[in-house]
Amino acid sequence: MTATARQLAGAHQEQNPKNLRYIASTRQATLAATTPSRPVGDASVYVIQMEGDFQRHVRHAKEPLRGTSMLILIDAETGQVTDWSISAQPFDLRELGQTVPL
């Protein structure tokens, strides 16, 4: 998980992310706590949150999307990244349980 998190951070211009932590949850519970999105299915996931100076260049936008927090969902069965986001602040994941440092 650490390698995946660092690789995704590097792809978004952050070579040294800080405060990497994760928690085991479900996709439904995680997205309910972080977005208005309600996906189909409820796979078990690992939720990784980290801090840094992330940016993503978006087509047709003059300025890149920037944020200081990145959230990544990794399917616990397949190891594939299913969702990720960059935000200005970290999400409060306490309702999902206790996070563990990576």
PDB file of N, CA and C in Angstrom:
ATOM      1  N   MET A   1       0.827  -1.194   0.000  1.00  0.00           N
ATOM      2  CA  MET A   1       0.000   0.000   0.000  1.00  0.00           C
ATOM      3  C   MET A   1       0.868   1.254   0.000  1.00  0.00           C
ATOM      4  N   THR A   2       1.957   1.208   0.727  1.00  0.00           N
ATOM      5  CA  THR A   2       2.828   2.382   0.794  1.00  0.00           C
ATOM      6  C   THR A   2       3.376   2.718  -0.581  1.00  0.00           C
ATOM      7  N   ALA A   3       3.804   1.709  -1.325  1.00  0.00           N
ATOM      8  CA  ALA A   3       4.349   1.947  -2.667  1.00  0.00           C
ATOM      9  C   ALA A   3       3.293   2.559  -3.584  1.00  0.00           C
ATOM     10  N   THR A   4       2.071   2.050  -3.514  1.00  0.00           N
ATOM     11  CA  THR A   4       0.984   2.592  -4.337  1.00  0.00           C
ATOM     12  C   THR A   4       0.714   4.040  -3.968  1.00  0.00           C
ATOM     13  N   ALA A   5       0.662   4.333  -2.674  1.00  0.00           N
ATOM     14  CA  ALA A   5       0.403   5.701  -2.219  1.00  0.00           C
ATOM     15  C   ALA A   5       1.506   6.645  -2.689  1.00  0.00           C
ATOM     16  N   ARG A   6       2.755   6.234  -2.533  1.00  0.00           N
ATOM     17  CA  ARG A   6       3.875   7.093  -2.948  1.00  0.00           C
ATOM     18  C   ARG A   6       3.903   7.283  -4.464  1.00  0.00           C
ATOM     19  N   GLN A   7       3.554   6.249  -5.206  1.00  0.00           N
ATOM     20  CA  GLN A   7       3.517   6.353  -6.664  1.00  0.00           C
ATOM     21  C   GLN A   7       2.441   7.344  -7.109  1.00  0.00           C
ATOM     22  N   LEU A   8       1.260   7.260  -6.508  1.00  0.00           N
ATOM     23  CA  LEU A   8       0.179   8.180  -6.868  1.00  0.00           C
ATOM     24  C   LEU A   8       0.519   9.613  -6.446  1.00  0.00           C
ATOM     25  N   ALA A   9       1.155   9.761  -5.293  1.00  0.00           N
ATOM     26  CA  ALA A   9       1.591  11.100  -4.856  1.00  0.00           C
ATOM     27  C   ALA A   9       2.588  11.674  -5.856  1.00  0.00           C
ATOM     28  N   GLY A  10       3.563  10.865  -6.272  1.00  0.00           N
ATOM     29  CA  GLY A  10       4.561  11.330  -7.238  1.00  0.00           C
ATOM     30  C   GLY A  10       3.950  11.721  -8.573  1.00  0.00           C
ATOM     31  N   ALA A  11       2.914  11.007  -8.979  1.00  0.00           N
ATOM     32  CA  ALA A  11       2.231  11.341 -10.231  1.00  0.00           C
ATOM     33  C   ALA A  11       1.492  12.671 -10.125  1.00  0.00           C
ATOM     34  N   HIS A  12       1.342  13.158  -8.889  1.00  0.00           N
ATOM     35  CA  HIS A  12       0.651  14.429  -8.656  1.00  0.00           C
ATOM     36  C   HIS A  12       1.585  15.447  -8.009  1.00  0.00           C
ATOM     37  N   GLN A  13       2.851  15.371  -8.428  1.00  0.00           N
ATOM     38  CA  GLN A  13       3.876  16.369  -8.124  1.00  0.00           C
ATOM     39  C   GLN A  13       4.322  16.412  -6.666  1.00  0.00           C
ATOM     40  N   GLU A  14       4.051  15.374  -5.884  1.00  0.00           N
ATOM     41  CA  GLU A  14       4.517  15.338  -4.491  1.00  0.00           C
ATOM     42  C   GLU A  14       5.430  14.125  -4.323  1.00  0.00           C
ATOM     43  N   GLN A  15       6.729  14.389  -4.184  1.00  0.00           N
ATOM     44  CA  GLN A  15       7.706  13.310  -4.085  1.00  0.00           C
ATOM     45  C   GLN A  15       7.930  12.815  -2.656  1.00  0.00           C
ATOM     46  N   ASN A  16       7.504  13.580  -1.672  1.00  0.00           N
ATOM     47  CA  ASN A  16       7.739  13.215  -0.278  1.00  0.00           C
ATOM     48  C   ASN A  16       6.487  13.447   0.572  1.00  0.00           C
ATOM     49  N   PRO A  17       5.422  12.661   0.353  1.00  0.00           N
ATOM     50  CA  PRO A  17       4.195  12.871   1.135  1.00  0.00           C
ATOM     51  C   PRO A  17       4.438  12.590   2.611  1.00  0.00           C
ATOM     52  N   LYS A  18       3.669  13.244   3.434  1.00  0.00           N
ATOM     53  CA  LYS A  18       3.827  13.128   4.883  1.00  0.00           C
ATOM     54  C   LYS A  18       2.551  12.553   5.510  1.00  0.00           C
ATOM     55  N   ASN A  19       2.707  12.080   6.731  1.00  0.00           N
ATOM     56  CA  ASN A  19       1.583  11.622   7.549  1.00  0.00           C
ATOM     57  C   ASN A  19       0.730  10.581   6.820  1.00  0.00           C
ATOM     58  N   LEU A  20       1.378   9.619   6.178  1.00  0.00           N
ATOM     59  CA  LEU A  20       0.654   8.539   5.507  1.00  0.00           C
ATOM     60  C   LEU A  20       0.018   7.648   6.565  1.00  0.00           C
ATOM     61  N   ARG A  21      -1.275   7.398   6.415  1.00  0.00           N
ATOM     62  CA  ARG A  21      -1.988   6.539   7.343  1.00  0.00           C
ATOM     63  C   ARG A  21      -3.110   5.834   6.585  1.00  0.00           C
ATOM     64  N   TYR A  22      -3.546   4.704   7.145  1.00  0.00           N
ATOM     65  CA  TYR A  22      -4.608   3.951   6.473  1.00  0.00           C
ATOM     66  C   TYR A  22      -5.572   3.373   7.497  1.00  0.00           C
ATOM     67  N   ILE A  23      -6.696   2.933   6.965  1.00  0.00           N
ATOM     68  CA  ILE A  23      -7.715   2.271   7.769  1.00  0.00           C
ATOM     69  C   ILE A  23      -8.455   1.296   6.852  1.00  0.00           C
ATOM     70  N   ALA A  24      -8.856   0.161   7.383  1.00  0.00           N
ATOM     71  CA  ALA A  24      -9.673  -0.787   6.625  1.00  0.00           C
ATOM     72  C   ALA A  24     -11.134  -0.381   6.793  1.00  0.00           C
ATOM     73  N   SER A  25     -11.877  -0.400   5.685  1.00  0.00           N
ATOM     74  CA  SER A  25     -13.277   0.011   5.717  1.00  0.00           C
ATOM     75  C   SER A  25     -13.995  -0.621   4.537  1.00  0.00           C
ATOM     76  N   THR A  26     -15.143  -0.052   4.203  1.00  0.00           N
ATOM     77  CA  THR A  26     -15.850  -0.440   2.982  1.00  0.00           C
ATOM     78  C   THR A  26     -15.965   0.797   2.096  1.00  0.00           C
ATOM     79  N   ARG A  27     -16.138   0.555   0.838  1.00  0.00           N
ATOM     80  CA  ARG A  27     -16.241   1.671  -0.109  1.00  0.00           C
ATOM     81  C   ARG A  27     -17.442   2.554   0.211  1.00  0.00           C
ATOM     82  N   GLN A  28     -18.583   1.932   0.526  1.00  0.00           N
ATOM     83  CA  GLN A  28     -19.793   2.704   0.854  1.00  0.00           C
ATOM     84  C   GLN A  28     -19.559   3.595   2.069  1.00  0.00           C
ATOM     85  N   ALA A  29     -19.025   3.034   3.153  1.00  0.00           N
ATOM     86  CA  ALA A  29     -18.817   3.807   4.384  1.00  0.00           C
ATOM     87  C   ALA A  29     -17.833   4.950   4.163  1.00  0.00           C
ATOM     88  N   THR A  30     -16.777   4.677   3.420  1.00  0.00           N
ATOM     89  CA  THR A  30     -15.767   5.707   3.178  1.00  0.00           C
ATOM     90  C   THR A  30     -16.322   6.845   2.343  1.00  0.00           C
ATOM     91  N   LEU A  31     -16.991   6.514   1.262  1.00  0.00           N
ATOM     92  CA  LEU A  31     -17.524   7.575   0.404  1.00  0.00           C
ATOM     93  C   LEU A  31     -18.668   8.317   1.088  1.00  0.00           C
ATOM     94  N   ALA A  32     -19.433   7.649   1.936  1.00  0.00           N
ATOM     95  CA  ALA A  32     -20.479   8.340   2.698  1.00  0.00           C
ATOM     96  C   ALA A  32     -19.867   9.363   3.646  1.00  0.00           C
ATOM     97  N   ALA A  33     -18.666   9.061   4.166  1.00  0.00           N
ATOM     98  CA  ALA A  33     -17.995   9.970   5.099  1.00  0.00           C
ATOM     99  C   ALA A  33     -17.244  11.099   4.398  1.00  0.00           C
ATOM    100  N   THR A  34     -17.013  10.956   3.092  1.00  0.00           N
ATOM    101  CA  THR A  34     -16.152  11.938   2.414  1.00  0.00           C
ATOM    102  C   THR A  34     -16.783  12.642   1.219  1.00  0.00           C
ATOM    103  N   THR A  35     -17.856  12.102   0.651  1.00  0.00           N
ATOM    104  CA  THR A  35     -18.461  12.701  -0.546  1.00  0.00           C
ATOM    105  C   THR A  35     -19.967  12.455  -0.552  1.00  0.00           C
ATOM    106  N   PRO A  36     -20.696  13.146  -1.411  1.00  0.00           N
ATOM    107  CA  PRO A  36     -22.120  12.844  -1.574  1.00  0.00           C
ATOM    108  C   PRO A  36     -22.358  11.644  -2.493  1.00  0.00           C
ATOM    109  N   SER A  37     -21.290  11.075  -3.048  1.00  0.00           N
ATOM    110  CA  SER A  37     -21.383   9.956  -3.974  1.00  0.00           C
ATOM    111  C   SER A  37     -21.837   8.687  -3.266  1.00  0.00           C
ATOM    112  N   ARG A  38     -22.674   7.896  -3.920  1.00  0.00           N
ATOM    113  CA  ARG A  38     -23.105   6.607  -3.398  1.00  0.00           C
ATOM    114  C   ARG A  38     -22.870   5.550  -4.470  1.00  0.00           C
ATOM    115  N   PRO A  39     -21.752   4.844  -4.396  1.00  0.00           N
ATOM    116  CA  PRO A  39     -21.422   3.877  -5.441  1.00  0.00           C
ATOM    117  C   PRO A  39     -22.248   2.600  -5.327  1.00  0.00           C
ATOM    118  N   VAL A  40     -22.260   1.853  -6.397  1.00  0.00           N
ATOM    119  CA  VAL A  40     -22.877   0.534  -6.413  1.00  0.00           C
ATOM    120  C   VAL A  40     -21.861  -0.429  -5.810  1.00  0.00           C
ATOM    121  N   GLY A  41     -22.320  -1.348  -5.008  1.00  0.00           N
ATOM    122  CA  GLY A  41     -21.425  -2.335  -4.399  1.00  0.00           C
ATOM    123  C   GLY A  41     -20.815  -1.807  -3.107  1.00  0.00           C
ATOM    124  N   ASP A  42     -20.279  -2.718  -2.338  1.00  0.00           N
ATOM    125  CA  ASP A  42     -19.715  -2.326  -1.046  1.00  0.00           C
ATOM    126  C   ASP A  42     -18.468  -3.138  -0.742  1.00  0.00           C
ATOM    127  N   ALA A  43     -17.499  -3.060  -1.617  1.00  0.00           N
ATOM    128  CA  ALA A  43     -16.266  -3.824  -1.457  1.00  0.00           C
ATOM    129  C   ALA A  43     -15.479  -3.352  -0.243  1.00  0.00           C
ATOM    130  N   SER A  44     -14.743  -4.269   0.340  1.00  0.00           N
ATOM    131  CA  SER A  44     -13.803  -3.900   1.399  1.00  0.00           C
ATOM    132  C   SER A  44     -12.649  -3.136   0.762  1.00  0.00           C
ATOM    133  N   VAL A  45     -12.237  -2.066   1.431  1.00  0.00           N
ATOM    134  CA  VAL A  45     -11.164  -1.227   0.897  1.00  0.00           C
ATOM    135  C   VAL A  45     -10.193  -0.847   2.005  1.00  0.00           C
ATOM    136  N   TYR A  46      -9.002  -0.463   1.562  1.00  0.00           N
ATOM    137  CA  TYR A  46      -8.054   0.213   2.425  1.00  0.00           C
ATOM    138  C   TYR A  46      -8.116   1.680   2.041  1.00  0.00           C
ATOM    139  N   VAL A  47      -8.286   2.528   3.028  1.00  0.00           N
ATOM    140  CA  VAL A  47      -8.369   3.964   2.816  1.00  0.00           C
ATOM    141  C   VAL A  47      -7.040   4.556   3.247  1.00  0.00           C
ATOM    142  N   ILE A  48      -6.346   5.208   2.333  1.00  0.00           N
ATOM    143  CA  ILE A  48      -5.074   5.840   2.644  1.00  0.00           C
ATOM    144  C   ILE A  48      -5.264   7.348   2.559  1.00  0.00           C
ATOM    145  N   GLN A  49      -4.789   8.041   3.552  1.00  0.00           N
ATOM    146  CA  GLN A  49      -4.816   9.502   3.517  1.00  0.00           C
ATOM    147  C   GLN A  49      -3.403   9.994   3.801  1.00  0.00           C
ATOM    148  N   MET A  50      -2.978  11.013   3.067  1.00  0.00           N
ATOM    149  CA  MET A  50      -1.643  11.570   3.250  1.00  0.00           C
ATOM    150  C   MET A  50      -1.665  13.059   2.977  1.00  0.00           C
ATOM    151  N   GLU A  51      -0.618  13.732   3.415  1.00  0.00           N
ATOM    152  CA  GLU A  51      -0.522  15.176   3.262  1.00  0.00           C
ATOM    153  C   GLU A  51       0.676  15.533   2.404  1.00  0.00           C
ATOM    154  N   GLY A  52       0.576  16.651   1.714  1.00  0.00           N
ATOM    155  CA  GLY A  52       1.648  17.126   0.841  1.00  0.00           C
ATOM    156  C   GLY A  52       1.150  18.289   0.011  1.00  0.00           C
ATOM    157  N   ASP A  53       1.854  18.553  -1.062  1.00  0.00           N
ATOM    158  CA  ASP A  53       1.481  19.619  -1.995  1.00  0.00           C
ATOM    159  C   ASP A  53       1.174  18.960  -3.328  1.00  0.00           C
ATOM    160  N   PHE A  54      -0.053  18.519  -3.492  1.00  0.00           N
ATOM    161  CA  PHE A  54      -0.463  17.756  -4.667  1.00  0.00           C
ATOM    162  C   PHE A  54      -1.049  18.684  -5.728  1.00  0.00           C
ATOM    163  N   GLN A  55      -0.799  18.324  -6.982  1.00  0.00           N
ATOM    164  CA  GLN A  55      -1.456  19.056  -8.067  1.00  0.00           C
ATOM    165  C   GLN A  55      -1.689  18.123  -9.241  1.00  0.00           C
ATOM    166  N   ARG A  56      -2.790  18.385  -9.904  1.00  0.00           N
ATOM    167  CA  ARG A  56      -3.182  17.593 -11.064  1.00  0.00           C
ATOM    168  C   ARG A  56      -3.537  18.545 -12.185  1.00  0.00           C
ATOM    169  N   HIS A  57      -2.915  18.341 -13.310  1.00  0.00           N
ATOM    170  CA  HIS A  57      -3.226  19.168 -14.477  1.00  0.00           C
ATOM    171  C   HIS A  57      -4.469  18.597 -15.151  1.00  0.00           C
ATOM    172  N   VAL A  58      -5.443  19.456 -15.338  1.00  0.00           N
ATOM    173  CA  VAL A  58      -6.718  19.066 -15.907  1.00  0.00           C
ATOM    174  C   VAL A  58      -6.841  19.701 -17.290  1.00  0.00           C
ATOM    175  N   ARG A  59      -7.225  18.889 -18.262  1.00  0.00           N
ATOM    176  CA  ARG A  59      -7.420  19.433 -19.614  1.00  0.00           C
ATOM    177  C   ARG A  59      -8.425  20.567 -19.595  1.00  0.00           C
ATOM    178  N   HIS A  60      -8.201  21.529 -20.403  1.00  0.00           N
ATOM    179  CA  HIS A  60      -9.110  22.666 -20.575  1.00  0.00           C
ATOM    180  C   HIS A  60      -9.162  23.580 -19.353  1.00  0.00           C
ATOM    181  N   ALA A  61      -8.205  23.459 -18.454  1.00  0.00           N
ATOM    182  CA  ALA A  61      -8.150  24.356 -17.294  1.00  0.00           C
ATOM    183  C   ALA A  61      -6.815  25.090 -17.325  1.00  0.00           C
ATOM    184  N   LYS A  62      -6.856  26.363 -17.024  1.00  0.00           N
ATOM    185  CA  LYS A  62      -5.616  27.144 -17.014  1.00  0.00           C
ATOM    186  C   LYS A  62      -4.716  26.764 -15.854  1.00  0.00           C
ATOM    187  N   GLU A  63      -5.316  26.557 -14.701  1.00  0.00           N
ATOM    188  CA  GLU A  63      -4.561  26.249 -13.486  1.00  0.00           C
ATOM    189  C   GLU A  63      -4.784  24.793 -13.078  1.00  0.00           C
ATOM    190  N   PRO A  64      -3.759  24.154 -12.523  1.00  0.00           N
ATOM    191  CA  PRO A  64      -3.949  22.778 -12.053  1.00  0.00           C
ATOM    192  C   PRO A  64      -4.817  22.728 -10.798  1.00  0.00           C
ATOM    193  N   LEU A  65      -5.426  21.590 -10.572  1.00  0.00           N
ATOM    194  CA  LEU A  65      -6.143  21.325  -9.337  1.00  0.00           C
ATOM    195  C   LEU A  65      -5.084  21.132  -8.257  1.00  0.00           C
ATOM    196  N   ARG A  66      -5.212  21.834  -7.137  1.00  0.00           N
ATOM    197  CA  ARG A  66      -4.216  21.750  -6.068  1.00  0.00           C
ATOM    198  C   ARG A  66      -4.882  21.384  -4.757  1.00  0.00           C
ATOM    199  N   GLY A  67      -4.118  20.724  -3.891  1.00  0.00           N
ATOM    200  CA  GLY A  67      -4.602  20.383  -2.570  1.00  0.00           C
ATOM    201  C   GLY A  67      -3.474  19.924  -1.678  1.00  0.00           C
ATOM    202  N   THR A  68      -3.723  19.905  -0.392  1.00  0.00           N
ATOM    203  CA  THR A  68      -2.708  19.488   0.577  1.00  0.00           C
ATOM    204  C   THR A  68      -3.019  18.127   1.188  1.00  0.00           C
ATOM    205  N   SER A  69      -4.087  17.492   0.743  1.00  0.00           N
ATOM    206  CA  SER A  69      -4.449  16.169   1.242  1.00  0.00           C
ATOM    207  C   SER A  69      -4.864  15.289   0.070  1.00  0.00           C
ATOM    208  N   MET A  70      -4.443  14.030   0.119  1.00  0.00           N
ATOM    209  CA  MET A  70      -4.860  13.068  -0.892  1.00  0.00           C
ATOM    210  C   MET A  70      -5.471  11.865  -0.180  1.00  0.00           C
ATOM    211  N   LEU A  71      -6.614  11.410  -0.692  1.00  0.00           N
ATOM    212  CA  LEU A  71      -7.317  10.242  -0.175  1.00  0.00           C
ATOM    213  C   LEU A  71      -7.339   9.197  -1.288  1.00  0.00           C
ATOM    214  N   ILE A  72      -6.977   7.968  -0.963  1.00  0.00           N
ATOM    215  CA  ILE A  72      -6.922   6.880  -1.945  1.00  0.00           C
ATOM    216  C   ILE A  72      -7.704   5.694  -1.394  1.00  0.00           C
ATOM    217  N   LEU A  73      -8.537   5.079  -2.220  1.00  0.00           N
ATOM    218  CA  LEU A  73      -9.226   3.846  -1.859  1.00  0.00           C
ATOM    219  C   LEU A  73      -8.645   2.712  -2.692  1.00  0.00           C
ATOM    220  N   ILE A  74      -8.219   1.650  -2.006  1.00  0.00           N
ATOM    221  CA  ILE A  74      -7.649   0.488  -2.667  1.00  0.00           C
ATOM    222  C   ILE A  74      -8.527  -0.714  -2.351  1.00  0.00           C
ATOM    223  N   ASP A  75      -8.979  -1.411  -3.381  1.00  0.00           N
ATOM    224  CA  ASP A  75      -9.792  -2.599  -3.195  1.00  0.00           C
ATOM    225  C   ASP A  75      -8.984  -3.634  -2.417  1.00  0.00           C
ATOM    226  N   ALA A  76      -9.506  -4.095  -1.290  1.00  0.00           N
ATOM    227  CA  ALA A  76      -8.776  -5.011  -0.419  1.00  0.00           C
ATOM    228  C   ALA A  76      -8.531  -6.371  -1.068  1.00  0.00           C
ATOM    229  N   GLU A  77      -9.400  -6.773  -1.982  1.00  0.00           N
ATOM    230  CA  GLU A  77      -9.255  -8.079  -2.623  1.00  0.00           C
ATOM    231  C   GLU A  77      -8.295  -8.037  -3.802  1.00  0.00           C
ATOM    232  N   THR A  78      -8.407  -6.993  -4.632  1.00  0.00           N
ATOM    233  CA  THR A  78      -7.616  -6.952  -5.863  1.00  0.00           C
ATOM    234  C   THR A  78      -6.352  -6.105  -5.757  1.00  0.00           C
ATOM    235  N   GLY A  79      -6.316  -5.185  -4.791  1.00  0.00           N
ATOM    236  CA  GLY A  79      -5.173  -4.280  -4.670  1.00  0.00           C
ATOM    237  C   GLY A  79      -5.215  -3.119  -5.650  1.00  0.00           C
ATOM    238  N   GLN A  80      -6.301  -2.984  -6.382  1.00  0.00           N
ATOM    239  CA  GLN A  80      -6.434  -1.922  -7.372  1.00  0.00           C
ATOM    240  C   GLN A  80      -6.962  -0.634  -6.737  1.00  0.00           C
ATOM    241  N   VAL A  81      -6.445   0.497  -7.198  1.00  0.00           N
ATOM    242  CA  VAL A  81      -6.972   1.785  -6.764  1.00  0.00           C
ATOM    243  C   VAL A  81      -8.339   1.963  -7.413  1.00  0.00           C
ATOM    244  N   THR A  82      -9.367   2.215  -6.591  1.00  0.00           N
ATOM    245  CA  THR A  82     -10.715   2.394  -7.129  1.00  0.00           C
ATOM    246  C   THR A  82     -11.136   3.858  -7.139  1.00  0.00           C
ATOM    247  N   ASP A  83     -10.617   4.645  -6.211  1.00  0.00           N
ATOM    248  CA  ASP A  83     -10.990   6.055  -6.111  1.00  0.00           C
ATOM    249  C   ASP A  83      -9.814   6.815  -5.513  1.00  0.00           C
ATOM    250  N   TRP A  84      -9.724   8.092  -5.845  1.00  0.00           N
ATOM    251  CA  TRP A  84      -8.754   8.963  -5.196  1.00  0.00           C
ATOM    252  C   TRP A  84      -9.228  10.395  -5.356  1.00  0.00           C
ATOM    253  N   SER A  85      -8.782  11.245  -4.448  1.00  0.00           N
ATOM    254  CA  SER A  85      -9.138  12.655  -4.555  1.00  0.00           C
ATOM    255  C   SER A  85      -8.049  13.510  -3.916  1.00  0.00           C
ATOM    256  N   ILE A  86      -7.999  14.745  -4.355  1.00  0.00           N
ATOM    257  CA  ILE A  86      -7.123  15.768  -3.787  1.00  0.00           C
ATOM    258  C   ILE A  86      -8.043  16.814  -3.178  1.00  0.00           C
ATOM    259  N   SER A  87      -7.736  17.225  -1.952  1.00  0.00           N
ATOM    260  CA  SER A  87      -8.574  18.230  -1.299  1.00  0.00           C
ATOM    261  C   SER A  87      -7.713  19.216  -0.517  1.00  0.00           C
ATOM    262  N   ALA A  88      -8.339  20.319  -0.138  1.00  0.00           N
ATOM    263  CA  ALA A  88      -7.636  21.373   0.599  1.00  0.00           C
ATOM    264  C   ALA A  88      -7.366  20.976   2.050  1.00  0.00           C
ATOM    265  N   GLN A  89      -8.165  20.062   2.592  1.00  0.00           N
ATOM    266  CA  GLN A  89      -8.009  19.631   3.976  1.00  0.00           C
ATOM    267  C   GLN A  89      -8.200  18.121   4.054  1.00  0.00           C
ATOM    268  N   PRO A  90      -7.571  17.489   5.049  1.00  0.00           N
ATOM    269  CA  PRO A  90      -7.808  16.059   5.210  1.00  0.00           C
ATOM    270  C   PRO A  90      -9.242  15.785   5.651  1.00  0.00           C
ATOM    271  N   PHE A  91      -9.746  14.628   5.288  1.00  0.00           N
ATOM    272  CA  PHE A  91     -11.074  14.218   5.723  1.00  0.00           C
ATOM    273  C   PHE A  91     -10.995  13.691   7.154  1.00  0.00           C
ATOM    274  N   ASP A  92     -12.065  13.870   7.895  1.00  0.00           N
ATOM    275  CA  ASP A  92     -12.170  13.326   9.245  1.00  0.00           C
ATOM    276  C   ASP A  92     -12.636  11.878   9.113  1.00  0.00           C
ATOM    277  N   LEU A  93     -11.730  10.947   9.325  1.00  0.00           N
ATOM    278  CA  LEU A  93     -12.033   9.533   9.141  1.00  0.00           C
ATOM    279  C   LEU A  93     -12.364   8.820  10.445  1.00  0.00           C
ATOM    280  N   ARG A  94     -12.535   9.552  11.530  1.00  0.00           N
ATOM    281  CA  ARG A  94     -12.760   8.940  12.844  1.00  0.00           C
ATOM    282  C   ARG A  94     -13.977   8.027  12.881  1.00  0.00           C
ATOM    283  N   GLU A  95     -15.015   8.356  12.106  1.00  0.00           N
ATOM    284  CA  GLU A  95     -16.206   7.500  12.142  1.00  0.00           C
ATOM    285  C   GLU A  95     -15.950   6.129  11.511  1.00  0.00           C
ATOM    286  N   LEU A  96     -14.838   6.015  10.772  1.00  0.00           N
ATOM    287  CA  LEU A  96     -14.478   4.720  10.186  1.00  0.00           C
ATOM    288  C   LEU A  96     -13.631   3.876  11.134  1.00  0.00           C
ATOM    289  N   GLY A  97     -13.073   4.499  12.171  1.00  0.00           N
ATOM    290  CA  GLY A  97     -12.218   3.790  13.113  1.00  0.00           C
ATOM    291  C   GLY A  97     -10.897   4.510  13.309  1.00  0.00           C
ATOM    292  N   GLN A  98      -9.925   3.811  13.847  1.00  0.00           N
ATOM    293  CA  GLN A  98      -8.608   4.375  14.136  1.00  0.00           C
ATOM    294  C   GLN A  98      -7.668   4.146  12.957  1.00  0.00           C
ATOM    295  N   THR A  99      -7.056   5.217  12.461  1.00  0.00           N
ATOM    296  CA  THR A  99      -6.087   5.066  11.369  1.00  0.00           C
ATOM    297  C   THR A  99      -4.762   4.539  11.928  1.00  0.00           C
ATOM    298  N   VAL A 100      -4.013   3.906  11.043  1.00  0.00           N
ATOM    299  CA  VAL A 100      -2.724   3.308  11.390  1.00  0.00           C
ATOM    300  C   VAL A 100      -1.660   3.936  10.482  1.00  0.00           C
ATOM    301  N   PRO A 101      -0.511   4.351  11.029  1.00  0.00           N
ATOM    302  CA  PRO A 101       0.552   4.911  10.176  1.00  0.00           C
ATOM    303  C   PRO A 101       1.071   3.874   9.180  1.00  0.00           C
ATOM    304  N   LEU A 102       1.419   4.339   7.992  1.00  0.00           N
ATOM    305  CA  LEU A 102       2.057   3.469   6.982  1.00  0.00           C
ATOM    306  C   LEU A 102       3.556   3.643   7.073  1.00  0.00           C
TER     307      LEU A 102
END
